[in-house]
Amino acid sequence: MTSGIKKAASIAARSLTPGKPHHAQWLITRKCNYRCVGCNVWKEQDRKELSTEEVKKGLDILRDLGIVELVVSGGDPLLRDDIGEILDYASDRFVTTVYDNGSMAAKKIDCLRKVDFVAISIDSIDEAKNDYIKAVPGAWKKATQAVENLHREGINVSVTPTISQKNLYEIIDITNYFTGKGIPVWFCLYSYDMSVDANQLFRIGKANDEFVITDKQAMVKLCDSLIEMKKENKRILMTTKLLKALRNLYEDKRTWQCQALKNFLVVDHLGRIAGCHNHNFAGSVFDLPKKWKSQEFDMLRKTYQDCTQCNYLCYDFYSLHGSPRGHLSLAMDQWKNAKFLLKKEKTKLLNSG
């Protein structure tokens, strides 16, 4: 059995196993070469990070825990010298997405060939505005060239704008611009940390008045527009359920409870884990086998469930899909991924024959 078929079979089996987390985000480095105005990561860089072998050991633990989808981010994860080895290892075990700020993907294209998705951060189709947000001249040109190169090479690349007051009125234009070129789009949402605890897992930053969404009606209208657009545009990679929940949020109605440390978890560059980055770390990835079903984690899950301090869309998505019906829809999505992987493997075998 080839590695691709083994991966597809493993993903399918984990997807249909109840009581398991589906998603993990591993922020494998604090290193970043950009100075994004709405972010704090670059202000608190840390050269320390787990070794290659430690990361691999942690990935095996996540797989055994039941994780199906893995997001590799940072900082910019492509700044790690060993990123190719890490991504190859991860891609054999998970549906793997890697984030890049647009500066490194074209240089590390050979490291990305096995991953399932590459997400490139582009926040405006106005070159000057995008470069202002990234605080790096030429950021737009590098990012758009990386998207074009990856797309041309057959690598599944998408664009991930962060919706904020700064670009709220051009999100439809951004969406049409890239999806019209055959590039899928999914969105992040500007948010900021409310915690001030020194033991918080990972700090993104505090509120920036340029980015905090103040025009709530425009945000509601945007969600309605994207819901309608999704009926025809299959390259908008957000579920209608998530868009409706986001619309409700900006009508001051939060319609979900957080399922952190139940459906998803976060790992930082030192291997520390929490349900989400806003909360204090709760041990190490290497502790997960003994802690996952512990009373300590059960208490933390109740804390997370009552938390309403953030609106990070990745956390919201896996919380919204936390019901039995939601788990079924996630499983169906992973079956689609598994079938896609099997199709790719069949094509590879035919071509090699």
Protein backbone atom coordinates (compact mmCIF):
# COMPACT_ATOMS: atom_id res chain seq x y z
CA MET A 1 0.00 0.00 0.00
CA THR A 2 1.44 3.38 -1.00
CA SER A 3 1.90 6.22 1.49
CA GLY A 4 -0.87 8.26 -0.15
CA ILE A 5 -3.41 5.46 0.19
CA LYS A 6 -2.32 4.82 3.78
CA LYS A 7 -2.83 8.50 4.56
CA ALA A 8 -6.29 8.58 2.99
CA ALA A 9 -7.36 5.44 4.88
CA SER A 10 -6.01 6.80 8.16
CA ILE A 11 -7.77 10.16 7.67
CA ALA A 12 -11.06 8.44 6.91
CA ALA A 13 -10.80 6.24 10.01
CA ARG A 14 -9.92 9.14 12.35
CA SER A 15 -12.69 11.30 10.87
CA LEU A 16 -15.35 8.79 11.85
CA THR A 17 -14.04 8.10 15.35
CA PRO A 18 -16.25 9.85 17.94
CA GLY A 19 -14.90 11.75 20.93
CA LYS A 20 -11.68 12.81 19.22
CA PRO A 21 -10.36 16.29 18.36
CA HIS A 22 -10.30 17.07 14.64
CA HIS A 23 -8.03 20.07 14.37
CA ALA A 24 -4.71 21.33 15.72
CA GLN A 25 -2.83 24.49 14.95
CA TRP A 26 0.90 24.33 15.58
CA LEU A 27 2.65 27.70 15.77
CA ILE A 28 6.05 26.13 15.19
CA THR A 29 8.09 29.34 15.32
CA ARG A 30 7.95 32.86 16.72
CA LYS A 31 10.31 34.10 14.01
CA CYS A 32 8.77 36.57 11.57
CA ASN A 33 10.26 38.76 8.87
CA TYR A 34 7.27 41.11 8.56
CA ARG A 35 6.05 43.91 10.82
CA CYS A 36 2.30 43.79 10.28
CA VAL A 37 0.59 46.80 11.81
CA GLY A 38 -2.25 44.80 13.34
CA CYS A 39 -0.06 42.05 14.83
CA ASN A 40 2.18 41.72 17.84
CA VAL A 41 4.08 38.53 17.01
CA TRP A 42 7.08 40.30 15.48
CA LYS A 43 7.47 42.41 18.62
CA GLU A 44 7.95 39.32 20.79
CA GLN A 45 10.12 37.05 18.69
CA ASP A 46 11.81 34.07 20.27
CA ARG A 47 14.71 32.20 18.71
CA LYS A 48 14.00 29.14 20.85
CA GLU A 49 11.87 26.39 19.30
CA LEU A 50 11.56 22.61 19.33
CA SER A 51 14.02 20.56 17.33
CA THR A 52 13.00 18.68 14.20
CA GLU A 53 12.84 15.37 16.05
CA GLU A 54 10.80 16.88 18.88
CA VAL A 55 8.30 18.26 16.38
CA LYS A 56 8.03 14.84 14.72
CA LYS A 57 7.43 13.19 18.08
CA GLY A 58 4.70 15.75 18.79
CA LEU A 59 3.10 15.12 15.40
CA ASP A 60 2.91 11.40 16.13
CA ILE A 61 1.16 12.19 19.41
CA LEU A 62 -1.37 14.41 17.64
CA ARG A 63 -2.07 11.70 15.08
CA ASP A 64 -2.59 9.10 17.80
CA LEU A 65 -4.88 11.54 19.63
CA GLY A 66 -7.11 11.60 16.54
CA ILE A 67 -6.17 14.89 14.87
CA VAL A 68 -7.15 14.95 11.19
CA GLU A 69 -6.42 18.52 10.11
CA LEU A 70 -3.18 20.26 10.99
CA VAL A 71 -2.41 23.93 10.39
CA VAL A 72 1.28 24.84 10.50
CA SER A 73 1.78 28.53 11.24
CA GLY A 74 3.92 30.92 13.26
CA GLY A 75 5.43 33.61 12.94
CA ASP A 76 6.20 32.45 9.46
CA PRO A 77 6.83 28.68 9.57
CA LEU A 78 8.72 28.75 6.27
CA LEU A 79 11.53 30.61 8.03
CA ARG A 80 12.54 27.36 9.75
CA ASP A 81 15.51 25.70 8.04
CA ASP A 82 13.97 22.27 8.62
CA ILE A 83 10.50 23.18 7.35
CA GLY A 84 10.72 20.82 4.37
CA GLU A 85 11.36 17.82 6.59
CA ILE A 86 8.61 18.85 9.01
CA LEU A 87 6.03 19.39 6.27
CA ASP A 88 6.86 16.09 4.57
CA TYR A 89 6.39 14.30 7.87
CA ALA A 90 3.15 16.12 8.66
CA SER A 91 1.74 15.63 5.17
CA ASP A 92 2.01 11.86 5.50
CA ARG A 93 -0.22 11.99 8.59
CA PHE A 94 -2.70 14.87 8.30
CA VAL A 95 -4.62 17.08 5.94
CA THR A 96 -1.93 19.72 6.22
CA THR A 97 -2.20 23.47 5.65
CA VAL A 98 0.77 25.81 5.94
CA TYR A 99 0.51 29.59 6.31
CA ASP A 100 2.91 32.08 4.77
CA ASN A 101 2.91 35.87 4.86
CA GLY A 102 3.71 35.82 1.16
CA SER A 103 7.46 36.28 1.46
CA MET A 104 8.76 32.71 1.56
CA ALA A 105 6.48 30.35 -0.39
CA ALA A 106 8.07 31.03 -3.79
CA LYS A 107 11.53 30.39 -2.30
CA LYS A 108 10.43 27.20 -0.52
CA ILE A 109 8.20 25.82 -3.24
CA ASP A 110 9.85 22.38 -3.16
CA CYS A 111 9.04 22.14 0.56
CA LEU A 112 5.35 22.65 -0.22
CA ARG A 113 4.72 20.00 -2.85
CA LYS A 114 3.37 17.40 -0.42
CA VAL A 115 1.15 19.67 1.67
CA ASP A 116 -2.57 19.72 0.96
CA PHE A 117 -3.06 23.48 1.11
CA VAL A 118 -0.90 26.61 1.22
CA ALA A 119 -2.49 29.79 2.59
CA ILE A 120 -0.98 33.12 1.55
CA SER A 121 -1.88 36.24 3.50
CA ILE A 122 -2.97 39.13 1.25
CA ASP A 123 -5.12 41.85 2.82
CA SER A 124 -5.84 44.19 -0.08
CA ILE A 125 -5.72 44.34 -3.86
CA ASP A 126 -4.47 47.89 -3.43
CA GLU A 127 -0.70 47.37 -3.51
CA ALA A 128 0.09 50.39 -1.34
CA LYS A 129 -2.52 49.49 1.27
CA ASN A 130 -1.38 45.88 1.47
CA ASP A 131 2.26 46.96 1.86
CA TYR A 132 1.22 49.41 4.58
CA ILE A 133 -0.59 46.68 6.50
CA LYS A 134 2.40 44.35 6.19
CA ALA A 135 4.81 47.24 6.85
CA VAL A 136 7.15 45.84 4.19
CA PRO A 137 7.62 47.49 0.78
CA GLY A 138 7.06 45.01 -2.03
CA ALA A 139 4.93 42.64 0.10
CA TRP A 140 2.08 42.70 -2.43
CA LYS A 141 4.28 41.80 -5.38
CA LYS A 142 5.98 38.96 -3.51
CA ALA A 143 2.69 37.51 -2.29
CA THR A 144 0.83 37.68 -5.60
CA GLN A 145 3.83 36.22 -7.44
CA ALA A 146 3.97 33.38 -4.90
CA VAL A 147 0.28 32.65 -5.46
CA GLU A 148 0.77 32.58 -9.23
CA ASN A 149 3.87 30.36 -8.99
CA LEU A 150 2.24 27.84 -6.66
CA HIS A 151 -0.95 27.74 -8.72
CA ARG A 152 1.05 27.17 -11.89
CA GLU A 153 2.98 24.34 -10.20
CA GLY A 154 -0.26 22.57 -9.27
CA ILE A 155 0.03 23.26 -5.54
CA ASN A 156 -3.29 23.95 -3.82
CA VAL A 157 -2.86 27.60 -2.86
CA SER A 158 -5.44 29.95 -1.42
CA VAL A 159 -5.51 33.58 -0.33
CA THR A 160 -6.46 34.45 3.25
CA PRO A 161 -7.39 38.11 3.77
CA THR A 162 -7.86 39.24 7.35
CA ILE A 163 -11.12 41.18 7.46
CA SER A 164 -10.77 44.44 9.37
CA GLN A 165 -12.09 47.98 9.25
CA LYS A 166 -9.06 48.74 7.08
CA ASN A 167 -10.27 46.55 4.21
CA LEU A 168 -13.92 45.88 5.07
CA TYR A 169 -15.32 47.65 2.02
CA GLU A 170 -13.11 45.81 -0.48
CA ILE A 171 -13.53 42.21 0.71
CA ILE A 172 -15.99 41.46 -2.11
CA ASP A 173 -13.53 42.88 -4.65
CA ILE A 174 -10.66 40.87 -3.14
CA THR A 175 -12.80 37.73 -3.29
CA ASN A 176 -13.82 38.26 -6.90
CA TYR A 177 -10.28 39.19 -7.94
CA PHE A 178 -8.68 35.97 -6.71
CA THR A 179 -11.52 33.49 -7.23
CA GLY A 180 -11.80 34.85 -10.78
CA LYS A 181 -8.22 33.64 -11.29
CA GLY A 182 -9.13 30.20 -9.96
CA ILE A 183 -7.63 30.87 -6.50
CA PRO A 184 -9.81 29.91 -3.52
CA VAL A 185 -10.28 32.43 -0.71
CA TRP A 186 -11.01 31.94 2.93
CA PHE A 187 -10.95 34.64 5.55
CA CYS A 188 -9.43 35.46 8.84
CA LEU A 189 -11.03 38.11 11.06
CA TYR A 190 -9.12 40.83 12.85
CA SER A 191 -9.15 40.12 16.54
CA TYR A 192 -6.90 40.87 19.46
CA ASP A 193 -5.96 39.46 22.81
CA MET A 194 -7.76 40.45 25.97
CA SER A 195 -5.61 38.42 28.33
CA VAL A 196 -2.66 40.05 30.09
CA ASP A 197 -1.44 36.95 31.91
CA ALA A 198 2.27 36.22 31.50
CA ASN A 199 1.44 32.52 31.06
CA GLN A 200 -0.84 33.11 28.07
CA LEU A 201 0.15 30.59 25.42
CA PHE A 202 0.71 32.98 22.54
CA ARG A 203 0.17 36.72 22.14
CA ILE A 204 -1.17 38.21 18.93
CA GLY A 205 -1.56 41.79 20.09
CA LYS A 206 -3.84 44.42 21.54
CA ALA A 207 -6.60 46.39 19.88
CA ASN A 208 -5.55 48.69 17.04
CA ASP A 209 -8.14 51.35 16.23
CA GLU A 210 -7.31 51.21 12.51
CA PHE A 211 -8.40 47.57 12.36
CA VAL A 212 -11.20 47.12 14.92
CA ILE A 213 -14.45 46.78 12.95
CA THR A 214 -16.70 49.69 13.91
CA ASP A 215 -19.14 49.55 10.99
CA LYS A 216 -21.15 46.58 12.19
CA GLN A 217 -23.88 47.06 9.59
CA ALA A 218 -21.33 46.85 6.80
CA MET A 219 -20.03 43.62 8.34
CA VAL A 220 -23.54 42.18 8.47
CA LYS A 221 -24.08 43.17 4.83
CA LEU A 222 -20.74 41.58 3.88
CA CYS A 223 -21.74 38.28 5.47
CA ASP A 224 -25.07 38.33 3.63
CA SER A 225 -23.27 39.05 0.35
CA LEU A 226 -20.78 36.20 0.85
CA ILE A 227 -23.60 33.79 1.71
CA GLU A 228 -25.28 34.66 -1.60
CA MET A 229 -22.02 34.52 -3.53
CA LYS A 230 -21.25 31.06 -2.15
CA LYS A 231 -24.27 29.66 -3.98
CA GLU A 232 -22.45 30.20 -7.27
CA ASN A 233 -18.81 30.62 -6.26
CA LYS A 234 -17.41 27.37 -4.91
CA ARG A 235 -14.01 28.93 -4.32
CA ILE A 236 -15.24 30.81 -1.22
CA LEU A 237 -14.01 28.39 1.42
CA MET A 238 -16.19 29.37 4.35
CA THR A 239 -19.25 27.46 5.45
CA THR A 240 -22.62 29.18 5.35
CA LYS A 241 -23.05 28.20 8.99
CA LEU A 242 -19.90 30.12 9.94
CA LEU A 243 -20.93 33.17 7.90
CA LYS A 244 -24.35 33.20 9.57
CA ALA A 245 -22.76 32.96 13.00
CA LEU A 246 -20.42 35.81 12.11
CA ARG A 247 -23.33 37.92 10.92
CA ASN A 248 -25.15 37.22 14.19
CA LEU A 249 -22.04 38.23 16.14
CA TYR A 250 -22.10 41.68 14.55
CA GLU A 251 -25.77 41.90 15.41
CA ASP A 252 -24.65 41.36 19.02
CA LYS A 253 -25.83 37.75 19.20
CA ARG A 254 -23.15 35.14 19.90
CA THR A 255 -24.71 31.82 18.92
CA TRP A 256 -22.06 29.26 19.86
CA GLN A 257 -19.96 28.06 22.77
CA CYS A 258 -16.24 27.51 22.42
CA GLN A 259 -15.16 23.88 22.05
CA ALA A 260 -11.45 24.44 22.64
CA LEU A 261 -9.55 21.42 23.97
CA LYS A 262 -12.45 19.31 22.78
CA ASN A 263 -12.66 19.73 19.01
CA PHE A 264 -9.36 21.57 18.60
CA LEU A 265 -6.19 22.64 20.35
CA VAL A 266 -3.16 24.85 19.81
CA VAL A 267 0.55 24.06 20.19
CA ASP A 268 3.23 26.77 20.38
CA HIS A 269 6.88 26.89 19.27
CA LEU A 270 8.05 25.36 22.55
CA GLY A 271 5.53 22.51 22.40
CA ARG A 272 3.25 24.01 25.04
CA ILE A 273 -0.46 23.42 24.50
CA ALA A 274 -3.76 25.08 25.28
CA GLY A 275 -7.26 24.97 23.89
CA CYS A 276 -6.57 28.31 22.26
CA HIS A 277 -3.73 30.82 22.32
CA ASN A 278 -5.67 33.32 24.47
CA HIS A 279 -5.50 31.12 27.55
CA ASN A 280 -2.65 29.99 29.76
CA PHE A 281 -0.69 26.98 28.62
CA ALA A 282 -1.87 23.70 30.10
CA GLY A 283 1.14 21.48 29.70
CA SER A 284 3.14 20.13 26.79
CA VAL A 285 2.20 18.29 23.62
CA PHE A 286 4.17 15.40 25.12
CA ASP A 287 1.74 15.35 28.07
CA LEU A 288 -1.34 14.89 25.88
CA PRO A 289 -1.59 11.07 26.06
CA LYS A 290 -1.99 11.16 29.84
CA LYS A 291 -3.82 14.47 30.17
CA TRP A 292 -6.43 14.40 27.40
CA LYS A 293 -9.02 12.50 29.43
CA SER A 294 -7.97 13.95 32.78
CA GLN A 295 -10.14 15.83 35.29
CA GLU A 296 -7.81 18.82 34.82
CA PHE A 297 -8.65 19.03 31.12
CA ASP A 298 -12.35 18.51 31.78
CA MET A 299 -12.27 21.57 34.05
CA LEU A 300 -10.42 23.57 31.41
CA ARG A 301 -13.01 22.61 28.79
CA LYS A 302 -15.71 24.14 30.97
CA THR A 303 -13.63 27.32 31.27
CA TYR A 304 -13.19 27.52 27.51
CA GLN A 305 -16.86 26.82 26.90
CA ASP A 306 -17.83 29.86 28.96
CA CYS A 307 -15.23 32.10 27.30
CA THR A 308 -16.43 34.76 24.84
CA GLN A 309 -13.29 36.88 24.58
CA CYS A 310 -12.32 36.21 20.97
CA ASN A 311 -13.72 35.74 17.48
CA TYR A 312 -10.87 33.96 15.73
CA LEU A 313 -12.60 32.24 12.83
CA CYS A 314 -10.65 28.98 13.01
CA TYR A 315 -11.73 28.52 16.63
CA ASP A 316 -15.28 29.56 15.80
CA PHE A 317 -15.52 27.09 12.93
CA TYR A 318 -14.54 24.06 14.98
CA SER A 319 -16.78 25.19 17.81
CA LEU A 320 -19.78 25.57 15.51
CA HIS A 321 -19.20 22.09 14.13
CA GLY A 322 -19.05 20.57 17.59
CA SER A 323 -22.49 18.99 17.74
CA PRO A 324 -23.07 15.37 16.66
CA ARG A 325 -24.41 16.71 13.37
CA GLY A 326 -21.36 18.96 13.10
CA HIS A 327 -19.03 16.03 13.66
CA LEU A 328 -20.83 14.21 10.87
CA SER A 329 -20.36 17.13 8.48
CA LEU A 330 -16.68 17.30 9.42
CA ALA A 331 -16.37 13.58 8.80
CA MET A 332 -18.01 14.01 5.40
CA ASP A 333 -15.54 16.79 4.60
CA GLN A 334 -12.66 14.52 5.52
CA TRP A 335 -14.09 11.70 3.42
CA LYS A 336 -13.98 14.18 0.53
CA ASN A 337 -10.36 14.95 1.39
CA ALA A 338 -9.59 11.25 1.58
CA LYS A 339 -11.22 10.63 -1.82
CA PHE A 340 -9.26 13.58 -3.23
CA LEU A 341 -6.03 12.11 -1.87
CA LEU A 342 -6.86 8.69 -3.29
CA LYS A 343 -7.58 10.27 -6.68
CA LYS A 344 -4.21 12.05 -6.59
CA GLU A 345 -2.48 8.79 -5.67
CA LYS A 346 -4.20 6.88 -8.47
CA THR A 347 -3.14 9.55 -10.99
CA LYS A 348 0.44 9.37 -9.69
CA LEU A 349 0.51 5.59 -10.05
CA LEU A 350 -0.90 5.74 -13.59
CA ASN A 351 1.63 8.35 -14.62
CA SER A 352 4.51 6.36 -13.15
CA GLY A 353 3.36 3.23 -14.99
